[in-house]
Amino acid sequence: MFHPGSRTTAGVLDAETATTSKPAEEGLHYQRCRWCGTAMFHRLLCPVCAGSDLRTERSAGLGVVRHATIVHRNTPAARNVSLIELAEGFTVRGRVQGPLIAIRVGDRVQLTTAADTVRREPVFKLCEEPYSGWF
């Protein structure tokens, strides 16, 4: 029997939870396969073993920038889009706050907001300030 308050993997992509903004204290939630242990973000099946027995876990929010680019289209100003590999082993697309020129591959980042109100993607900040000796 289905209970509306129960936590299932089908509720991970629920429209109500996707549209609400979550503070950083709540963290970023991801799934881990109970069979093979693979971590993933917003999946219904494990990409490794195709298992559907997934448990929801909360990320600490620490990660490393694996790809960063500057997007100029559909925005009044340029914005950053990055792929962040989190310590738990999954990758998520998000935005890194700070000067666009200062965001580099390999930079350590910390989650600030689990869901941006406009783009509904995680927002991160740089853990260390960029070197400003040349400016």
C-alpha atoms as a PDB file:
ATOM      1  CA  MET A   1       0.000   0.000   0.000  1.00  0.00           C
ATOM      2  CA  PHE A   2       1.311   3.474  -0.854  1.00  0.00           C
ATOM      3  CA  HIS A   3       1.585   6.080   1.895  1.00  0.00           C
ATOM      4  CA  PRO A   4       1.968   9.732   0.805  1.00  0.00           C
ATOM      5  CA  GLY A   5       4.528  10.435   3.534  1.00  0.00           C
ATOM      6  CA  SER A   6       6.758   7.460   2.711  1.00  0.00           C
ATOM      7  CA  ARG A   7      10.230   8.023   1.268  1.00  0.00           C
ATOM      8  CA  THR A   8      10.715   6.151  -1.972  1.00  0.00           C
ATOM      9  CA  THR A   9      13.078   6.632  -4.880  1.00  0.00           C
ATOM     10  CA  ALA A  10      10.132   7.709  -7.018  1.00  0.00           C
ATOM     11  CA  GLY A  11       9.712  10.759  -4.746  1.00  0.00           C
ATOM     12  CA  VAL A  12      13.245  11.941  -5.550  1.00  0.00           C
ATOM     13  CA  LEU A  13      12.126  13.606  -8.773  1.00  0.00           C
ATOM     14  CA  ASP A  14       8.821  14.839  -7.417  1.00  0.00           C
ATOM     15  CA  ALA A  15       7.799  18.190  -8.931  1.00  0.00           C
ATOM     16  CA  GLU A  16       7.086  19.739  -5.519  1.00  0.00           C
ATOM     17  CA  THR A  17      10.557  19.037  -4.132  1.00  0.00           C
ATOM     18  CA  ALA A  18      12.272  20.124  -7.350  1.00  0.00           C
ATOM     19  CA  THR A  19      10.694  23.579  -7.301  1.00  0.00           C
ATOM     20  CA  THR A  20      11.378  24.494  -3.699  1.00  0.00           C
ATOM     21  CA  SER A  21      14.618  26.145  -2.668  1.00  0.00           C
ATOM     22  CA  LYS A  22      16.568  24.311   0.020  1.00  0.00           C
ATOM     23  CA  PRO A  23      18.990  26.030   2.350  1.00  0.00           C
ATOM     24  CA  ALA A  24      22.556  24.731   2.543  1.00  0.00           C
ATOM     25  CA  GLU A  25      21.875  23.311   6.033  1.00  0.00           C
ATOM     26  CA  GLU A  26      19.532  20.739   4.495  1.00  0.00           C
ATOM     27  CA  GLY A  27      22.268  19.786   2.069  1.00  0.00           C
ATOM     28  CA  LEU A  28      22.292  18.170  -1.299  1.00  0.00           C
ATOM     29  CA  HIS A  29      20.568  14.797  -1.479  1.00  0.00           C
ATOM     30  CA  TYR A  30      21.764  12.012  -3.754  1.00  0.00           C
ATOM     31  CA  GLN A  31      21.128   8.311  -4.214  1.00  0.00           C
ATOM     32  CA  ARG A  32      23.374   5.323  -3.473  1.00  0.00           C
ATOM     33  CA  CYS A  33      22.724   1.866  -4.884  1.00  0.00           C
ATOM     34  CA  ARG A  34      22.160  -0.675  -2.105  1.00  0.00           C
ATOM     35  CA  TRP A  35      23.531  -3.460  -4.297  1.00  0.00           C
ATOM     36  CA  CYS A  36      26.798  -2.090  -5.763  1.00  0.00           C
ATOM     37  CA  GLY A  37      27.309   1.104  -3.684  1.00  0.00           C
ATOM     38  CA  THR A  38      27.471   3.527  -6.639  1.00  0.00           C
ATOM     39  CA  ALA A  39      26.591   7.154  -5.809  1.00  0.00           C
ATOM     40  CA  MET A  40      24.466   9.103  -8.301  1.00  0.00           C
ATOM     41  CA  PHE A  41      22.459  12.316  -8.544  1.00  0.00           C
ATOM     42  CA  HIS A  42      18.760  12.266  -9.538  1.00  0.00           C
ATOM     43  CA  ARG A  43      18.566   8.818 -11.095  1.00  0.00           C
ATOM     44  CA  LEU A  44      15.833   6.216 -11.013  1.00  0.00           C
ATOM     45  CA  LEU A  45      18.162   3.301 -11.817  1.00  0.00           C
ATOM     46  CA  CYS A  46      21.801   2.674 -10.986  1.00  0.00           C
ATOM     47  CA  PRO A  47      23.977   3.456 -14.046  1.00  0.00           C
ATOM     48  CA  VAL A  48      26.363   0.596 -13.146  1.00  0.00           C
ATOM     49  CA  CYS A  49      24.144  -2.386 -12.269  1.00  0.00           C
ATOM     50  CA  ALA A  50      20.697  -1.047 -13.334  1.00  0.00           C
ATOM     51  CA  GLY A  51      19.384  -1.736  -9.838  1.00  0.00           C
ATOM     52  CA  SER A  52      16.353   0.136  -8.578  1.00  0.00           C
ATOM     53  CA  ASP A  53      17.006  -0.329  -4.849  1.00  0.00           C
ATOM     54  CA  LEU A  54      18.419   3.137  -4.125  1.00  0.00           C
ATOM     55  CA  ARG A  55      18.706   4.876  -0.768  1.00  0.00           C
ATOM     56  CA  THR A  56      18.747   8.650  -0.371  1.00  0.00           C
ATOM     57  CA  GLU A  57      21.721  10.172   1.457  1.00  0.00           C
ATOM     58  CA  ARG A  58      22.809  13.705   2.289  1.00  0.00           C
ATOM     59  CA  SER A  59      26.035  15.110   0.867  1.00  0.00           C
ATOM     60  CA  ALA A  60      28.498  17.080   2.998  1.00  0.00           C
ATOM     61  CA  GLY A  61      28.713  19.564   0.115  1.00  0.00           C
ATOM     62  CA  LEU A  62      32.500  19.491  -0.408  1.00  0.00           C
ATOM     63  CA  GLY A  63      33.695  19.014  -3.951  1.00  0.00           C
ATOM     64  CA  VAL A  64      36.181  19.781  -6.712  1.00  0.00           C
ATOM     65  CA  VAL A  65      35.537  21.677  -9.962  1.00  0.00           C
ATOM     66  CA  ARG A  66      36.026  19.201 -12.837  1.00  0.00           C
ATOM     67  CA  HIS A  67      34.858  21.484 -15.666  1.00  0.00           C
ATOM     68  CA  ALA A  68      34.037  25.188 -15.747  1.00  0.00           C
ATOM     69  CA  THR A  69      32.686  27.309 -18.558  1.00  0.00           C
ATOM     70  CA  ILE A  70      31.222  30.785 -19.011  1.00  0.00           C
ATOM     71  CA  VAL A  71      27.818  31.024 -20.689  1.00  0.00           C
ATOM     72  CA  HIS A  72      26.726  34.242 -22.417  1.00  0.00           C
ATOM     73  CA  ARG A  73      23.382  33.230 -23.906  1.00  0.00           C
ATOM     74  CA  ASN A  74      19.887  33.675 -22.435  1.00  0.00           C
ATOM     75  CA  THR A  75      21.204  35.813 -19.590  1.00  0.00           C
ATOM     76  CA  PRO A  76      21.646  39.553 -19.148  1.00  0.00           C
ATOM     77  CA  ALA A  77      25.225  38.921 -17.950  1.00  0.00           C
ATOM     78  CA  ALA A  78      27.744  36.120 -18.313  1.00  0.00           C
ATOM     79  CA  ARG A  79      27.372  33.269 -15.817  1.00  0.00           C
ATOM     80  CA  ASN A  80      29.373  30.274 -14.690  1.00  0.00           C
ATOM     81  CA  VAL A  81      28.306  26.666 -15.325  1.00  0.00           C
ATOM     82  CA  SER A  82      30.476  23.999 -13.729  1.00  0.00           C
ATOM     83  CA  LEU A  83      30.610  20.251 -13.197  1.00  0.00           C
ATOM     84  CA  ILE A  84      31.394  19.551  -9.561  1.00  0.00           C
ATOM     85  CA  GLU A  85      32.611  16.163  -8.361  1.00  0.00           C
ATOM     86  CA  LEU A  86      31.515  15.781  -4.761  1.00  0.00           C
ATOM     87  CA  ALA A  87      33.428  13.835  -2.105  1.00  0.00           C
ATOM     88  CA  GLU A  88      30.751  11.125  -2.018  1.00  0.00           C
ATOM     89  CA  GLY A  89      31.581  10.121  -5.609  1.00  0.00           C
ATOM     90  CA  PHE A  90      28.914  11.703  -7.814  1.00  0.00           C
ATOM     91  CA  THR A  91      29.025  14.650 -10.209  1.00  0.00           C
ATOM     92  CA  VAL A  92      26.496  17.475 -10.368  1.00  0.00           C
ATOM     93  CA  ARG A  93      26.065  20.498 -12.631  1.00  0.00           C
ATOM     94  CA  GLY A  94      25.936  23.760 -10.740  1.00  0.00           C
ATOM     95  CA  ARG A  95      27.165  27.320 -10.408  1.00  0.00           C
ATOM     96  CA  VAL A  96      30.237  28.560  -8.549  1.00  0.00           C
ATOM     97  CA  GLN A  97      30.015  32.034  -7.005  1.00  0.00           C
ATOM     98  CA  GLY A  98      32.850  34.444  -7.480  1.00  0.00           C
ATOM     99  CA  PRO A  99      34.699  36.200 -10.296  1.00  0.00           C
ATOM    100  CA  LEU A 100      34.304  34.182 -13.484  1.00  0.00           C
ATOM    101  CA  ILE A 101      38.006  34.409 -14.297  1.00  0.00           C
ATOM    102  CA  ALA A 102      38.959  32.984 -10.863  1.00  0.00           C
ATOM    103  CA  ILE A 103      37.129  29.645 -11.245  1.00  0.00           C
ATOM    104  CA  ARG A 104      39.527  26.931 -12.387  1.00  0.00           C
ATOM    105  CA  VAL A 105      39.464  23.166 -12.791  1.00  0.00           C
ATOM    106  CA  GLY A 106      40.746  21.595  -9.572  1.00  0.00           C
ATOM    107  CA  ASP A 107      39.429  24.326  -7.242  1.00  0.00           C
ATOM    108  CA  ARG A 108      37.849  23.065  -4.034  1.00  0.00           C
ATOM    109  CA  VAL A 109      34.277  24.260  -3.446  1.00  0.00           C
ATOM    110  CA  GLN A 110      31.628  24.143  -0.710  1.00  0.00           C
ATOM    111  CA  LEU A 111      27.846  23.999  -1.208  1.00  0.00           C
ATOM    112  CA  THR A 112      26.059  27.229  -0.257  1.00  0.00           C
ATOM    113  CA  THR A 113      22.537  26.642  -1.617  1.00  0.00           C
ATOM    114  CA  ALA A 114      21.082  23.287  -2.650  1.00  0.00           C
ATOM    115  CA  ALA A 115      18.767  24.837  -5.273  1.00  0.00           C
ATOM    116  CA  ASP A 116      19.124  28.260  -6.902  1.00  0.00           C
ATOM    117  CA  THR A 117      15.730  29.987  -7.123  1.00  0.00           C
ATOM    118  CA  VAL A 118      16.135  30.883 -10.814  1.00  0.00           C
ATOM    119  CA  ARG A 119      17.928  27.921 -12.420  1.00  0.00           C
ATOM    120  CA  ARG A 120      17.134  25.320  -9.731  1.00  0.00           C
ATOM    121  CA  GLU A 121      20.703  24.057  -9.622  1.00  0.00           C
ATOM    122  CA  PRO A 122      23.161  23.873  -6.703  1.00  0.00           C
ATOM    123  CA  VAL A 123      25.319  26.915  -5.937  1.00  0.00           C
ATOM    124  CA  PHE A 124      28.868  26.531  -4.595  1.00  0.00           C
ATOM    125  CA  LYS A 125      31.531  28.916  -3.315  1.00  0.00           C
ATOM    126  CA  LEU A 126      35.298  28.634  -3.573  1.00  0.00           C
ATOM    127  CA  CYS A 127      36.924  27.237  -0.409  1.00  0.00           C
ATOM    128  CA  GLU A 128      40.056  29.330  -0.889  1.00  0.00           C
ATOM    129  CA  GLU A 129      40.216  32.855  -2.174  1.00  0.00           C
ATOM    130  CA  PRO A 130      41.975  33.170  -5.541  1.00  0.00           C
ATOM    131  CA  TYR A 131      45.519  34.526  -5.479  1.00  0.00           C
ATOM    132  CA  SER A 132      45.283  38.291  -5.902  1.00  0.00           C
ATOM    133  CA  GLY A 133      48.983  39.211  -5.953  1.00  0.00           C
ATOM    134  CA  TRP A 134      48.866  40.155  -9.643  1.00  0.00           C
ATOM    135  CA  PHE A 135      45.819  42.409  -9.449  1.00  0.00           C
END
